[in-house]
Protein backbone atom coordinates (compact mmCIF):
# COMPACT_ATOMS: atom_id res chain seq x y z
CA UNK A 1 -164.22 97.56 -82.56
CA UNK A 2 -166.73 98.89 -79.80
CA UNK A 3 -168.95 97.16 -78.08
CA UNK A 4 -172.00 97.99 -76.18
CA UNK A 5 -174.96 96.03 -74.14
CA UNK A 6 -178.25 95.42 -74.93
CA UNK A 7 -181.11 93.60 -74.19
CA UNK A 8 -183.91 92.00 -76.26
CA UNK A 9 -187.06 90.27 -76.63
CA UNK A 10 -189.24 88.96 -78.34
CA UNK A 11 -192.71 90.20 -78.46
CA UNK A 12 -195.63 88.17 -80.70
CA UNK A 13 -193.38 88.54 -84.19
CA UNK A 14 -191.01 91.21 -83.51
CA UNK A 15 -187.91 91.69 -81.78
CA UNK A 16 -187.60 94.85 -79.86
CA UNK A 17 -184.37 95.56 -77.37
CA UNK A 18 -182.25 98.53 -76.19
CA UNK A 19 -179.21 99.69 -75.70
CA UNK A 20 -178.48 99.17 -71.97
CA UNK A 21 -177.05 102.76 -71.15
CA UNK A 22 -180.25 103.88 -73.14
CA UNK A 23 -182.79 101.87 -71.72
CA UNK A 24 -185.17 105.43 -73.15
CA UNK A 25 -184.58 104.68 -76.58
CA UNK A 26 -186.31 101.29 -77.96
CA UNK A 27 -186.40 99.99 -81.57
CA UNK A 28 -187.24 96.32 -82.89
CA UNK A 29 -186.97 94.18 -85.93
CA UNK A 30 -188.77 90.79 -87.91
CA UNK A 31 -185.52 89.06 -87.11
CA UNK A 32 -182.39 89.86 -84.68
CA UNK A 33 -179.99 91.01 -87.40
CA UNK A 34 -182.47 93.94 -88.57
CA UNK A 35 -182.87 94.40 -84.87
CA UNK A 36 -178.81 94.53 -84.28
CA UNK A 37 -178.88 97.13 -87.06
CA UNK A 38 -181.66 98.81 -85.79
CA UNK A 39 -179.38 99.70 -82.52
CA UNK A 40 -176.03 100.44 -84.66
CA UNK A 41 -178.25 103.27 -86.42
CA UNK A 42 -179.87 104.31 -82.83
CA UNK A 43 -175.95 103.68 -81.16
CA UNK A 44 -174.27 106.16 -84.73
CA UNK A 45 -177.17 109.01 -83.99
CA UNK A 46 -176.44 109.76 -80.35
CA UNK A 47 -173.36 111.69 -80.07
CA UNK A 48 -174.26 113.66 -83.77
CA UNK A 49 -177.46 115.32 -81.23
CA UNK A 50 -179.31 113.36 -83.95
CA UNK A 51 -181.81 112.35 -80.79
CA UNK A 52 -183.36 114.60 -78.69
CA UNK A 53 -182.90 114.64 -74.80
CA UNK A 54 -180.54 111.69 -74.35
CA UNK A 55 -180.35 110.57 -70.51
CA UNK A 56 -177.51 108.55 -69.76
CA UNK A 57 -176.21 105.70 -67.75
CA UNK A 58 -173.22 106.65 -65.11
CA UNK A 59 -172.01 105.72 -61.95
CA UNK A 60 -171.86 107.97 -58.24
CA UNK A 61 -169.25 106.83 -55.87
CA UNK A 62 -169.98 106.83 -52.54
CA UNK A 63 -168.00 106.80 -49.18
């Protein structure tokens, strides 16, 4: 099973969050469980090309 880290917080009555590697694609849910499901949907759509202009996180090794 793959794992992805995500950042989340509660804003009034909604949970807001995004995948750590893809901070440009936030989603929300009325419950933390709904937020997690929405994050999974984003994760599954990214490799299919269903989300345009995806920015990715990478590391650059500096000598």
